[in-house]
Amino acid sequence: MKKHVLSALVTGAMLLNLTASLPVSVSAAEPDEYHDDWLHVENGVVVDRNGNEVWMTGVNWFGYNVGSQVFDGVWSANMHDCLNLISDHGFNLLRVPMSTEIILQWKNNEPDPIIKVNEYSNPELTIEGVQGGTVKYSFDIWNQAVAWCRENGIKIMMDIHSATTNAAGHNYPLWYDDNFSTDDWLEALSWFAEYYKDDDTIIAIDLKNEPHGKPEEGKFAKWDDSTDENNWKYAAERGAMACLEQNPNLLIMVEGTECYPDFSRGADWSTPSVDYAHYGEPSKIFGAWWGGNLRGVKDYPVDIGEYTKQIVYSPHDYGPEVWKQDWFYLDDDSKTFTRQTLLDDYWYDSWAYLVEEKRYPLLMGEWGGWVDDEHDTTGENRHWLQEIRDYMTDMHIHHTFWCFNENSSDTGGLVYDNFEKWDDVKYDFIKSALWQTEDGKFIGLDHKIPIGVNGISLDEYYGSGNTTPTETKPVETETETETTTVSESESETESVLYGDVDDNGIINILDVITLNKNLLGKENISEKQQKQADVDQSGLPDSNDSLLILKYIVGIIKNFTA
């Protein structure tokens, strides 16, 4: 038998050499714990694989885009504890700003220029696993964060925040700059999507944070049907396909621009966005927050054929403490803005029409701000937070709050005192906009893993008779018990993934190596692993199973035959 095992290894090596361009990992034929949480759009709403509507209500945590090579705050706080805090407070999606530069660094296995990790507060992030040890490579730390998010029921959305890694990188208006081209951006997106295509912990990619700029500034993002280099709509379609060709299950977030011409008044993309008040008329360019102008979708929606069902539009919106925009101030100084005036003066035409008219789902990628008297001296910002919070809740707009970090200079965050203390006052302002049951249990996006210590999973939520993200129906204990029994039975059936010999949810060459070591008597495997190794279901794993797994990996066969 050992001779046959060695023969299988040689055959496998030859097959792998002949098919080096094929991906090593393959998805399971049936959904399992790594492949059952993908989302898509149906009839203008985001749904899971069963067609059940979900509500993504998350938070931002930056650092990978600014030069820290890790989440900001890990220079003092324990990263695992912070992720526990996020999940325990009910945030089911983590938006993680990154740069094209750091992703290409990881792809090319280039060294970290610097990494801000306190090795005493984070012994888990050292090679030795002890306080004061040698800090791991940033990509290894990132993958540890992904694993901890998975354990907590948190899903991840990666955001290309800037081309070059820089704390001020988001100020550059485009997805390319003097250091990294559009092709570099596409390469980074494609590699990232392919690397995590067999892990539904990462369910979404935000193609580019806040494309912006004005025509008179020289560098600006436009939105039309051209193939101009600075046309964000054209770039977004290319970026989306770079991701979806690797993983067709990802949600793709497409933000807006800053400007859009008023074509009805003769403006075009060469018209400066100046105020013509001294001529008795307003600007011929509609302005917005950076990334917040989605007027172009009405005229030129993103169209990538069958993959369009993976597109979610994602504006950003902020209050008066970030910038005192015109729409916060009414002609009558005795009154302040309301939801209706915000809709009339800005929200509706900029982005809200997409959900009001049931065209497309929205995810508010950034919203947030100060709530304390020191920063918000007039209470305007708290008023704005309440208005947008309640509007997003009523309209089921997905959102990721800005931000967890305390070091966001114009908004503050959910923690303070060097990332060590939680801000309950600010949290209370946004808690009602988190997806939760009527009795206050947070609802996650994972079908099996509940979100945090006070949460439930998707299967628990919909298995209890719920039909929408906000409707909760009382269920008798007997029915709950019966539903749970069925769910556990189904879970047990789905947990058997033939070919996954090392039982990590992915079928690749490591499974062949594990099986061959077992057949040679050099490694023991569990009863479950033996069952998953027995792909021909002959009753006992052998060298034929090893060969079948290899053929499956390289695409020679599509299924395991009994």
Protein backbone atom coordinates (compact mmCIF):
# COMPACT_ATOMS: atom_id res chain seq x y z
CA MET A 1 0.00 0.00 0.00
CA LYS A 2 2.89 2.37 0.72
CA LYS A 3 4.01 2.01 -2.88
CA HIS A 4 0.58 3.16 -4.08
CA VAL A 5 0.68 6.13 -1.71
CA LEU A 6 4.01 7.30 -3.11
CA SER A 7 2.67 6.84 -6.62
CA ALA A 8 -0.28 9.06 -5.76
CA LEU A 9 2.06 11.72 -4.44
CA VAL A 10 4.12 11.69 -7.64
CA THR A 11 1.00 11.81 -9.78
CA GLY A 12 -0.30 14.70 -7.68
CA ALA A 13 2.94 16.63 -8.06
CA MET A 14 2.78 16.20 -11.83
CA LEU A 15 -0.83 17.33 -11.91
CA LEU A 16 -0.05 20.38 -9.79
CA ASN A 17 2.88 21.36 -12.01
CA LEU A 18 0.71 21.10 -15.11
CA THR A 19 -2.00 23.24 -13.55
CA ALA A 20 0.03 25.81 -11.65
CA SER A 21 -2.22 28.60 -12.84
CA LEU A 22 -5.28 27.07 -11.19
CA PRO A 23 -6.25 28.16 -7.66
CA VAL A 24 -5.15 25.68 -4.99
CA SER A 25 -8.26 26.04 -2.83
CA VAL A 26 -11.70 25.07 -4.06
CA SER A 27 -15.15 25.72 -2.70
CA ALA A 28 -17.24 22.91 -1.35
CA ALA A 29 -20.01 21.62 -3.58
CA GLU A 30 -22.50 22.19 -0.77
CA PRO A 31 -22.61 25.08 1.74
CA ASP A 32 -20.59 24.62 4.91
CA GLU A 33 -19.34 26.86 7.71
CA TYR A 34 -17.00 28.69 5.32
CA HIS A 35 -19.35 28.94 2.34
CA ASP A 36 -22.90 29.44 3.62
CA ASP A 37 -23.00 33.12 4.60
CA TRP A 38 -22.56 34.84 1.24
CA LEU A 39 -25.06 37.60 0.47
CA HIS A 40 -26.63 39.01 -2.69
CA VAL A 41 -29.32 41.45 -3.82
CA GLU A 42 -32.88 40.45 -4.72
CA ASN A 43 -35.66 42.94 -5.48
CA GLY A 44 -33.67 45.82 -4.06
CA VAL A 45 -32.74 44.23 -0.73
CA VAL A 46 -29.75 42.25 0.52
CA VAL A 47 -30.58 38.63 1.30
CA ASP A 48 -28.82 35.46 2.42
CA ARG A 49 -28.64 32.19 0.48
CA ASN A 50 -32.19 31.34 1.56
CA GLY A 51 -33.65 34.62 0.35
CA ASN A 52 -34.01 36.00 3.88
CA GLU A 53 -33.39 39.73 4.22
CA VAL A 54 -30.42 40.74 6.38
CA TRP A 55 -29.35 44.01 7.94
CA MET A 56 -25.65 44.85 8.07
CA THR A 57 -25.08 47.19 11.04
CA GLY A 58 -21.40 47.58 11.74
CA VAL A 59 -18.48 49.81 12.63
CA ASN A 60 -15.18 51.01 11.13
CA TRP A 61 -11.76 50.35 12.65
CA PHE A 62 -8.88 51.93 10.76
CA GLY A 63 -5.11 51.51 10.94
CA TYR A 64 -4.08 49.34 7.99
CA ASN A 65 -4.36 52.39 5.74
CA VAL A 66 -2.29 54.86 7.80
CA GLY A 67 1.06 53.16 8.32
CA SER A 68 0.47 51.26 11.56
CA GLN A 69 0.41 47.97 9.57
CA VAL A 70 -2.30 46.86 11.99
CA PHE A 71 -5.44 48.30 13.62
CA ASP A 72 -4.72 51.57 15.37
CA GLY A 73 -4.75 51.16 19.15
CA VAL A 74 -3.00 47.81 19.17
CA TRP A 75 -0.01 49.89 20.23
CA SER A 76 -1.61 49.75 23.70
CA ALA A 77 -4.83 47.70 23.80
CA ASN A 78 -5.23 43.95 23.28
CA MET A 79 -6.57 43.34 19.77
CA HIS A 80 -8.58 40.27 20.74
CA ASP A 81 -10.27 42.16 23.59
CA CYS A 82 -11.20 44.99 21.21
CA LEU A 83 -12.80 42.58 18.74
CA ASN A 84 -14.69 41.00 21.62
CA LEU A 85 -15.96 44.46 22.58
CA ILE A 86 -17.16 45.11 19.05
CA SER A 87 -19.07 41.83 18.80
CA ASP A 88 -20.46 41.96 22.34
CA HIS A 89 -21.93 45.39 21.58
CA GLY A 90 -23.75 43.97 18.56
CA PHE A 91 -21.83 45.24 15.52
CA ASN A 92 -22.17 42.45 12.95
CA LEU A 93 -19.93 43.95 10.24
CA LEU A 94 -16.42 45.39 10.54
CA ARG A 95 -15.33 47.80 7.80
CA VAL A 96 -11.53 47.77 7.64
CA PRO A 97 -9.79 50.59 5.73
CA MET A 98 -6.64 49.44 3.93
CA SER A 99 -4.45 50.71 1.10
CA THR A 100 -3.53 49.30 -2.28
CA GLU A 101 0.08 49.48 -1.05
CA ILE A 102 -0.29 47.19 1.96
CA ILE A 103 -2.28 44.60 0.01
CA LEU A 104 0.38 44.44 -2.69
CA GLN A 105 3.02 44.24 0.06
CA TRP A 106 1.27 41.14 1.43
CA LYS A 107 0.82 39.68 -2.05
CA ASN A 108 4.55 40.06 -2.76
CA ASN A 109 5.57 39.02 0.78
CA GLU A 110 7.51 42.24 1.30
CA PRO A 111 8.65 43.16 4.84
CA ASP A 112 6.82 45.57 7.10
CA PRO A 113 8.30 49.08 7.07
CA ILE A 114 7.14 49.46 10.69
CA ILE A 115 4.49 47.79 12.81
CA LYS A 116 2.82 49.38 15.82
CA VAL A 117 2.02 46.50 18.14
CA ASN A 118 2.55 46.46 21.89
CA GLU A 119 4.02 43.00 22.32
CA TYR A 120 3.34 43.08 26.07
CA SER A 121 -0.38 43.80 25.67
CA ASN A 122 -0.64 41.37 22.74
CA PRO A 123 1.38 38.21 23.46
CA GLU A 124 -0.87 36.35 20.98
CA LEU A 125 0.57 38.50 18.21
CA THR A 126 4.16 37.44 18.83
CA ILE A 127 5.96 34.52 17.23
CA GLU A 128 6.78 33.05 20.63
CA GLY A 129 3.30 33.72 22.05
CA VAL A 130 4.67 35.46 25.13
CA GLN A 131 4.77 39.00 26.46
CA GLY A 132 7.68 40.91 24.99
CA GLY A 133 8.12 38.41 22.17
CA THR A 134 8.90 39.06 18.51
CA VAL A 135 5.94 40.67 16.74
CA LYS A 136 4.54 38.64 13.84
CA TYR A 137 4.38 39.80 10.23
CA SER A 138 1.44 42.15 9.64
CA PHE A 139 -0.33 39.76 7.25
CA ASP A 140 -0.17 36.98 9.86
CA ILE A 141 -1.64 39.37 12.43
CA TRP A 142 -4.39 40.34 9.97
CA ASN A 143 -5.29 36.69 9.45
CA GLN A 144 -5.41 36.23 13.22
CA ALA A 145 -7.89 39.12 13.32
CA VAL A 146 -9.97 37.38 10.63
CA ALA A 147 -10.00 34.20 12.73
CA TRP A 148 -11.09 36.08 15.85
CA CYS A 149 -13.84 37.84 13.90
CA ARG A 150 -15.04 34.44 12.69
CA GLU A 151 -15.17 33.14 16.26
CA ASN A 152 -17.15 36.22 17.33
CA GLY A 153 -19.65 36.04 14.47
CA ILE A 154 -18.34 39.30 12.95
CA LYS A 155 -18.26 39.62 9.16
CA ILE A 156 -15.66 41.81 7.45
CA MET A 157 -15.76 44.38 4.66
CA MET A 158 -12.36 45.39 3.34
CA ASP A 159 -12.18 48.99 2.12
CA ILE A 160 -9.52 50.39 -0.21
CA HIS A 161 -9.18 53.67 1.64
CA SER A 162 -6.25 55.04 -0.34
CA ALA A 163 -3.71 54.03 -2.96
CA THR A 164 -0.61 54.82 -0.91
CA THR A 165 -0.40 53.99 2.79
CA ASN A 166 -0.68 57.35 4.50
CA ALA A 167 -2.73 58.86 7.33
CA ALA A 168 -3.76 61.60 4.88
CA GLY A 169 -4.06 59.24 1.91
CA HIS A 170 -7.84 59.56 1.82
CA ASN A 171 -7.42 63.23 0.84
CA TYR A 172 -6.21 62.18 -2.60
CA PRO A 173 -9.35 62.14 -4.76
CA LEU A 174 -8.81 59.07 -6.92
CA TRP A 175 -8.17 55.33 -6.66
CA TYR A 176 -4.77 55.79 -8.31
CA ASP A 177 -1.94 58.20 -7.58
CA ASP A 178 1.70 58.80 -8.54
CA ASN A 179 2.78 55.62 -6.75
CA PHE A 180 0.06 53.12 -7.63
CA SER A 181 -1.85 52.93 -10.89
CA THR A 182 -5.34 51.73 -11.72
CA ASP A 183 -3.79 48.42 -12.76
CA ASP A 184 -2.10 48.14 -9.35
CA TRP A 185 -5.48 48.78 -7.70
CA LEU A 186 -7.11 46.07 -9.82
CA GLU A 187 -4.29 43.66 -9.00
CA ALA A 188 -4.71 44.26 -5.28
CA LEU A 189 -8.48 43.76 -5.46
CA SER A 190 -8.16 40.58 -7.48
CA TRP A 191 -5.54 39.04 -5.20
CA PHE A 192 -7.43 39.86 -2.02
CA ALA A 193 -10.70 38.45 -3.39
CA GLU A 194 -9.00 35.26 -4.56
CA TYR A 195 -7.11 34.75 -1.31
CA TYR A 196 -10.29 34.78 0.79
CA LYS A 197 -12.70 33.22 -1.70
CA ASP A 198 -13.14 30.19 0.57
CA ASP A 199 -13.79 32.15 3.75
CA ASP A 200 -17.14 33.88 4.11
CA THR A 201 -15.86 35.82 7.12
CA ILE A 202 -14.96 38.41 4.48
CA ILE A 203 -18.27 39.03 2.74
CA ALA A 204 -17.74 42.41 1.08
CA ILE A 205 -15.23 44.76 -0.53
CA ASP A 206 -15.61 48.53 -0.67
CA LEU A 207 -13.80 49.36 -3.91
CA LYS A 208 -12.58 52.84 -2.98
CA ASN A 209 -13.18 55.22 -0.14
CA GLU A 210 -14.67 58.60 -1.04
CA PRO A 211 -13.79 59.32 -4.68
CA HIS A 212 -14.00 63.08 -4.91
CA GLY A 213 -12.58 66.27 -6.38
CA LYS A 214 -14.02 69.20 -8.35
CA PRO A 215 -13.58 69.89 -12.08
CA GLU A 216 -11.61 73.07 -11.44
CA GLU A 217 -9.16 71.19 -9.20
CA GLY A 218 -7.66 69.18 -12.06
CA LYS A 219 -7.89 65.80 -10.35
CA PHE A 220 -11.46 64.71 -9.74
CA ALA A 221 -13.73 61.66 -9.99
CA LYS A 222 -16.51 61.85 -12.58
CA TRP A 223 -19.48 59.55 -13.24
CA ASP A 224 -20.69 58.93 -16.79
CA ASP A 225 -20.59 56.31 -19.56
CA SER A 226 -17.09 57.15 -20.81
CA THR A 227 -13.91 55.12 -20.41
CA ASP A 228 -11.91 58.11 -19.18
CA GLU A 229 -9.30 57.20 -16.59
CA ASN A 230 -10.96 59.35 -13.94
CA ASN A 231 -14.47 57.99 -14.63
CA TRP A 232 -15.39 56.34 -11.33
CA LYS A 233 -18.37 54.45 -12.74
CA TYR A 234 -16.15 52.79 -15.39
CA ALA A 235 -13.42 52.09 -12.82
CA ALA A 236 -15.97 50.66 -10.36
CA GLU A 237 -17.21 48.21 -12.98
CA ARG A 238 -13.63 47.07 -13.64
CA GLY A 239 -12.87 46.87 -9.93
CA ALA A 240 -16.04 44.90 -9.24
CA MET A 241 -15.20 42.39 -11.95
CA ALA A 242 -11.62 42.05 -10.69
CA CYS A 243 -13.13 40.86 -7.41
CA LEU A 244 -16.08 38.86 -8.72
CA GLU A 245 -14.06 36.91 -11.27
CA GLN A 246 -12.21 35.49 -8.27
CA ASN A 247 -15.18 35.22 -5.92
CA PRO A 248 -18.63 35.76 -7.47
CA ASN A 249 -20.22 35.68 -4.00
CA LEU A 250 -18.75 38.91 -2.64
CA LEU A 251 -20.87 41.98 -2.05
CA ILE A 252 -19.27 44.94 -3.80
CA MET A 253 -19.73 48.42 -2.33
CA VAL A 254 -19.68 51.30 -4.82
CA GLU A 255 -19.42 54.77 -3.32
CA GLY A 256 -20.41 57.99 -5.04
CA THR A 257 -18.41 61.04 -6.07
CA GLU A 258 -18.32 64.60 -4.76
CA CYS A 259 -19.69 66.45 -7.79
CA TYR A 260 -22.27 65.91 -10.51
CA PRO A 261 -23.16 68.42 -13.25
CA ASP A 262 -26.62 69.93 -13.60
CA PHE A 263 -26.99 68.91 -17.25
CA SER A 264 -30.41 70.60 -17.42
CA ARG A 265 -28.65 73.96 -17.06
CA GLY A 266 -25.96 73.28 -19.64
CA ALA A 267 -23.23 72.10 -17.28
CA ASP A 268 -20.78 69.32 -18.10
CA TRP A 269 -17.62 67.85 -16.57
CA SER A 270 -15.61 70.94 -17.52
CA THR A 271 -17.91 73.29 -15.61
CA PRO A 272 -16.33 74.63 -12.41
CA SER A 273 -18.28 74.10 -9.22
CA VAL A 274 -18.36 77.75 -8.27
CA ASP A 275 -21.25 79.68 -6.78
CA TYR A 276 -22.85 81.91 -9.36
CA ALA A 277 -24.73 83.83 -6.68
CA HIS A 278 -23.30 87.13 -7.87
CA TYR A 279 -24.95 86.39 -11.22
CA GLY A 280 -28.19 85.59 -9.45
CA GLU A 281 -28.01 81.79 -9.79
CA PRO A 282 -26.54 78.88 -7.80
CA SER A 283 -23.72 76.59 -8.88
CA LYS A 284 -24.29 74.42 -11.95
CA ILE A 285 -22.56 71.54 -10.18
CA PHE A 286 -24.33 69.55 -7.48
CA GLY A 287 -21.99 69.11 -4.52
CA ALA A 288 -21.97 66.50 -1.77
CA TRP A 289 -19.85 64.92 0.92
CA TRP A 290 -16.87 63.06 -0.52
CA GLY A 291 -18.23 59.77 -1.89
CA GLY A 292 -21.77 60.89 -1.07
CA ASN A 293 -23.04 61.91 -4.52
CA LEU A 294 -24.90 59.06 -6.21
CA ARG A 295 -26.94 61.20 -8.61
CA GLY A 296 -25.08 59.55 -11.48
CA VAL A 297 -26.63 56.17 -10.73
CA LYS A 298 -29.98 57.43 -12.02
CA ASP A 299 -28.45 58.21 -15.43
CA TYR A 300 -25.65 55.64 -15.55
CA PRO A 301 -26.10 52.72 -13.14
CA VAL A 302 -23.24 50.27 -12.66
CA ASP A 303 -23.87 47.40 -15.05
CA ILE A 304 -21.82 44.22 -14.87
CA GLY A 305 -24.40 41.83 -16.26
CA GLU A 306 -25.35 38.87 -14.09
CA TYR A 307 -22.96 40.09 -11.38
CA THR A 308 -24.95 43.29 -10.83
CA LYS A 309 -26.83 41.41 -8.09
CA GLN A 310 -23.69 41.76 -5.96
CA ILE A 311 -23.66 45.57 -6.11
CA VAL A 312 -24.62 47.76 -3.15
CA TYR A 313 -24.26 51.54 -3.35
CA SER A 314 -22.49 53.13 -0.41
CA PRO A 315 -22.62 56.88 0.32
CA HIS A 316 -21.01 58.63 3.30
CA ASP A 317 -22.75 61.26 5.39
CA TYR A 318 -21.68 63.46 8.29
CA GLY A 319 -23.05 66.14 10.57
CA PRO A 320 -22.26 69.84 11.09
CA GLU A 321 -19.28 69.20 13.40
CA VAL A 322 -17.36 67.74 10.45
CA TRP A 323 -18.32 70.58 8.09
CA LYS A 324 -21.12 73.13 8.25
CA GLN A 325 -22.83 72.30 4.97
CA ASP A 326 -25.54 74.55 3.54
CA TRP A 327 -28.27 71.96 4.05
CA PHE A 328 -27.95 72.19 7.83
CA TYR A 329 -29.10 75.81 7.85
CA LEU A 330 -32.53 77.04 6.90
CA ASP A 331 -33.55 80.45 5.61
CA ASP A 332 -35.50 80.96 8.80
CA ASP A 333 -32.80 81.16 11.49
CA SER A 334 -35.35 80.41 14.20
CA LYS A 335 -35.70 76.83 12.96
CA THR A 336 -33.26 73.95 12.59
CA PHE A 337 -33.04 71.09 10.13
CA THR A 338 -35.39 68.11 10.29
CA ARG A 339 -35.48 64.77 8.54
CA GLN A 340 -37.72 66.30 5.90
CA THR A 341 -35.50 69.33 5.26
CA LEU A 342 -32.44 67.05 5.04
CA LEU A 343 -34.28 64.91 2.50
CA ASP A 344 -35.51 67.91 0.54
CA ASP A 345 -32.23 69.83 0.56
CA TYR A 346 -29.71 67.03 0.20
CA TRP A 347 -30.37 63.38 1.08
CA TYR A 348 -33.08 62.48 -1.43
CA ASP A 349 -31.41 63.60 -4.66
CA SER A 350 -27.90 62.65 -3.52
CA TRP A 351 -28.57 59.04 -2.44
CA ALA A 352 -31.85 58.44 -0.59
CA TYR A 353 -33.88 58.14 -3.82
CA LEU A 354 -32.23 54.77 -4.39
CA VAL A 355 -34.02 53.26 -1.38
CA GLU A 356 -37.08 55.52 -1.40
CA GLU A 357 -37.81 54.42 -4.98
CA LYS A 358 -36.72 50.83 -4.19
CA ARG A 359 -34.05 50.88 -6.89
CA TYR A 360 -31.01 49.53 -5.02
CA PRO A 361 -29.94 48.80 -1.44
CA LEU A 362 -27.66 51.27 0.33
CA LEU A 363 -24.92 50.85 2.91
CA MET A 364 -23.93 54.06 4.68
CA GLY A 365 -20.21 53.33 4.84
CA GLU A 366 -19.43 56.19 7.20
CA TRP A 367 -21.56 58.25 9.58
CA GLY A 368 -20.71 59.45 13.06
CA GLY A 369 -19.52 62.33 15.16
CA TRP A 370 -19.17 63.90 18.57
CA VAL A 371 -21.93 63.77 21.18
CA ASP A 372 -20.22 65.46 24.14
CA ASP A 373 -20.74 69.07 25.17
CA GLU A 374 -17.07 69.96 24.70
CA HIS A 375 -17.12 69.23 20.97
CA ASP A 376 -20.84 69.58 20.18
CA THR A 377 -21.46 72.85 21.99
CA THR A 378 -24.79 73.59 20.27
CA GLY A 379 -26.22 70.07 20.22
CA GLU A 380 -26.49 70.24 16.41
CA ASN A 381 -24.42 67.14 15.88
CA ARG A 382 -26.47 65.08 18.33
CA HIS A 383 -29.59 66.25 16.56
CA TRP A 384 -28.15 65.19 13.20
CA LEU A 385 -27.07 61.80 14.57
CA GLN A 386 -30.60 61.14 15.78
CA GLU A 387 -32.12 62.13 12.45
CA ILE A 388 -29.86 59.94 10.30
CA ARG A 389 -29.96 57.08 12.79
CA ASP A 390 -33.75 56.98 12.78
CA TYR A 391 -33.98 57.42 9.01
CA MET A 392 -31.58 54.53 8.34
CA THR A 393 -33.47 52.38 10.82
CA ASP A 394 -36.84 53.13 9.24
CA MET A 395 -35.53 52.50 5.72
CA HIS A 396 -33.37 49.46 6.64
CA ILE A 397 -30.26 51.16 5.27
CA HIS A 398 -27.17 49.11 6.07
CA HIS A 399 -24.40 51.06 7.77
CA THR A 400 -20.95 51.00 9.36
CA PHE A 401 -20.46 53.65 12.05
CA TRP A 402 -17.35 55.84 11.99
CA CYS A 403 -15.65 54.73 14.09
CA PHE A 404 -14.26 52.43 16.79
CA ASN A 405 -11.00 54.44 16.95
CA GLU A 406 -10.66 57.25 19.43
CA ASN A 407 -8.09 58.97 17.19
CA SER A 408 -10.46 60.21 14.48
CA SER A 409 -9.88 63.93 14.86
CA ASP A 410 -13.23 65.19 13.56
CA THR A 411 -15.57 62.53 15.01
CA GLY A 412 -13.96 60.75 17.96
CA GLY A 413 -14.79 57.09 18.45
CA LEU A 414 -16.43 54.43 20.57
CA VAL A 415 -13.38 54.06 22.83
CA TYR A 416 -11.18 56.53 24.66
CA ASP A 417 -8.28 56.65 27.17
CA ASN A 418 -5.83 55.08 24.72
CA PHE A 419 -8.40 52.56 23.41
CA GLU A 420 -8.94 51.12 26.89
CA LYS A 421 -12.43 52.44 27.80
CA TRP A 422 -15.80 52.13 26.07
CA ASP A 423 -17.88 55.27 25.46
CA ASP A 424 -21.35 54.29 26.70
CA VAL A 425 -22.80 57.74 26.00
CA LYS A 426 -21.96 57.63 22.29
CA TYR A 427 -22.92 53.97 22.04
CA ASP A 428 -26.37 54.75 23.47
CA PHE A 429 -26.87 57.20 20.60
CA ILE A 430 -26.42 54.50 17.96
CA LYS A 431 -27.50 51.29 19.70
CA SER A 432 -31.08 51.44 18.42
CA ALA A 433 -29.76 51.33 14.82
CA LEU A 434 -28.14 47.92 15.37
CA TRP A 435 -29.95 44.80 14.17
CA GLN A 436 -31.62 43.23 17.17
CA THR A 437 -34.74 41.42 18.28
CA GLU A 438 -37.54 43.08 20.21
CA ASP A 439 -36.08 41.69 23.43
CA GLY A 440 -32.67 43.21 22.69
CA LYS A 441 -30.66 40.28 21.33
CA PHE A 442 -28.29 41.32 18.57
CA ILE A 443 -28.56 39.45 15.28
CA GLY A 444 -25.43 38.38 13.43
CA LEU A 445 -24.79 37.58 9.77
CA ASP A 446 -23.43 34.07 10.35
CA HIS A 447 -25.92 31.22 10.07
CA LYS A 448 -24.37 29.25 12.91
CA ILE A 449 -22.22 31.53 15.08
CA PRO A 450 -24.04 34.09 17.25
CA ILE A 451 -22.76 37.66 17.40
CA GLY A 452 -21.00 38.22 20.74
CA VAL A 453 -22.24 37.22 24.18
CA ASN A 454 -25.69 38.78 23.80
CA GLY A 455 -26.48 37.79 20.25
CA ILE A 456 -27.98 35.12 18.05
CA SER A 457 -27.17 33.68 14.65
CA LEU A 458 -29.16 33.99 11.42
CA ASP A 459 -30.45 30.44 11.78
CA GLU A 460 -31.64 31.19 15.30
CA TYR A 461 -33.40 34.35 14.15
CA TYR A 462 -35.17 32.98 11.09
CA GLY A 463 -35.61 29.56 12.65
CA SER A 464 -37.80 31.21 15.26
CA GLY A 465 -40.34 32.30 12.66
CA ASN A 466 -39.07 35.79 11.82
CA THR A 467 -39.64 37.04 8.30
CA THR A 468 -37.95 40.47 8.13
CA PRO A 469 -35.03 42.28 9.79
CA THR A 470 -37.34 43.96 12.28
CA GLU A 471 -40.30 41.66 12.75
CA THR A 472 -40.11 39.25 15.70
CA LYS A 473 -42.92 36.79 16.28
CA PRO A 474 -43.49 35.03 19.61
CA VAL A 475 -42.86 31.31 19.34
CA GLU A 476 -43.94 28.63 21.76
CA THR A 477 -41.23 26.63 23.52
CA GLU A 478 -42.28 23.39 21.86
CA THR A 479 -41.91 24.90 18.38
CA GLU A 480 -38.52 26.37 19.28
CA THR A 481 -37.28 22.99 20.49
CA GLU A 482 -38.48 21.26 17.34
CA THR A 483 -36.83 23.89 15.12
CA THR A 484 -33.58 23.65 17.04
CA THR A 485 -33.54 19.87 16.63
CA VAL A 486 -33.97 20.14 12.87
CA SER A 487 -31.28 22.83 12.69
CA GLU A 488 -28.81 20.72 14.65
CA SER A 489 -29.52 17.73 12.45
CA GLU A 490 -28.99 19.75 9.29
CA SER A 491 -25.83 21.24 10.77
CA GLU A 492 -24.44 17.81 11.47
CA THR A 493 -25.12 16.73 7.87
CA GLU A 494 -23.53 19.84 6.39
CA SER A 495 -20.47 19.54 8.59
CA VAL A 496 -19.19 16.54 6.58
CA LEU A 497 -17.08 18.00 3.78
CA TYR A 498 -15.64 15.18 1.67
CA GLY A 499 -12.01 15.83 0.76
CA ASP A 500 -11.38 18.10 3.74
CA VAL A 501 -9.04 15.68 5.50
CA ASP A 502 -7.50 18.23 7.87
CA ASP A 503 -11.01 19.50 8.72
CA ASN A 504 -10.33 23.22 8.23
CA GLY A 505 -13.18 23.94 5.81
CA ILE A 506 -10.96 24.14 2.69
CA ILE A 507 -9.97 21.43 0.21
CA ASN A 508 -6.38 21.84 -0.96
CA ILE A 509 -3.05 19.99 -1.24
CA LEU A 510 -2.65 19.95 2.54
CA ASP A 511 -5.55 17.49 2.72
CA VAL A 512 -3.67 15.10 0.42
CA ILE A 513 -0.54 15.42 2.53
CA THR A 514 -2.51 14.78 5.74
CA LEU A 515 -4.13 11.68 4.26
CA ASN A 516 -0.85 10.30 2.93
CA LYS A 517 0.84 10.80 6.29
CA ASN A 518 -2.00 8.90 7.89
CA LEU A 519 -1.72 6.04 5.39
CA LEU A 520 2.02 5.89 6.08
CA GLY A 521 1.34 5.70 9.81
CA LYS A 522 2.95 9.08 10.50
CA GLU A 523 -0.16 11.03 11.56
CA ASN A 524 -3.38 10.09 13.31
CA ILE A 525 -6.70 11.55 12.17
CA SER A 526 -10.06 11.63 13.90
CA GLU A 527 -13.12 9.58 13.00
CA LYS A 528 -14.67 12.61 11.32
CA GLN A 529 -11.48 13.21 9.32
CA GLN A 530 -11.47 9.56 8.22
CA LYS A 531 -15.04 9.94 7.00
CA GLN A 532 -14.18 13.09 5.06
CA ALA A 533 -11.07 11.41 3.62
CA ASP A 534 -13.10 8.46 2.34
CA VAL A 535 -14.29 10.34 -0.74
CA ASP A 536 -15.10 7.19 -2.74
CA GLN A 537 -17.09 5.98 0.30
CA SER A 538 -15.54 2.54 0.18
CA GLY A 539 -15.61 2.34 3.97
CA LEU A 540 -11.92 3.11 4.58
CA PRO A 541 -9.65 5.91 3.29
CA ASP A 542 -6.91 4.67 0.97
CA SER A 543 -4.61 5.78 -1.84
CA ASN A 544 -7.52 5.95 -4.30
CA ASP A 545 -9.09 8.63 -2.12
CA SER A 546 -5.80 10.54 -2.16
CA LEU A 547 -5.73 10.50 -5.95
CA LEU A 548 -9.39 11.54 -6.23
CA ILE A 549 -8.81 14.51 -3.94
CA LEU A 550 -5.87 15.60 -6.09
CA LYS A 551 -7.96 15.33 -9.25
CA TYR A 552 -10.67 17.39 -7.58
CA ILE A 553 -8.22 20.11 -6.52
CA VAL A 554 -6.85 20.61 -10.03
CA GLY A 555 -10.27 20.43 -11.70
CA ILE A 556 -10.00 17.08 -13.48
CA ILE A 557 -13.13 15.92 -11.68
CA LYS A 558 -15.96 18.08 -10.39
CA ASN A 559 -17.44 15.65 -7.87
CA PHE A 560 -16.38 12.71 -5.74
CA THR A 561 -18.04 9.49 -6.90
CA ALA A 562 -19.27 6.83 -4.53
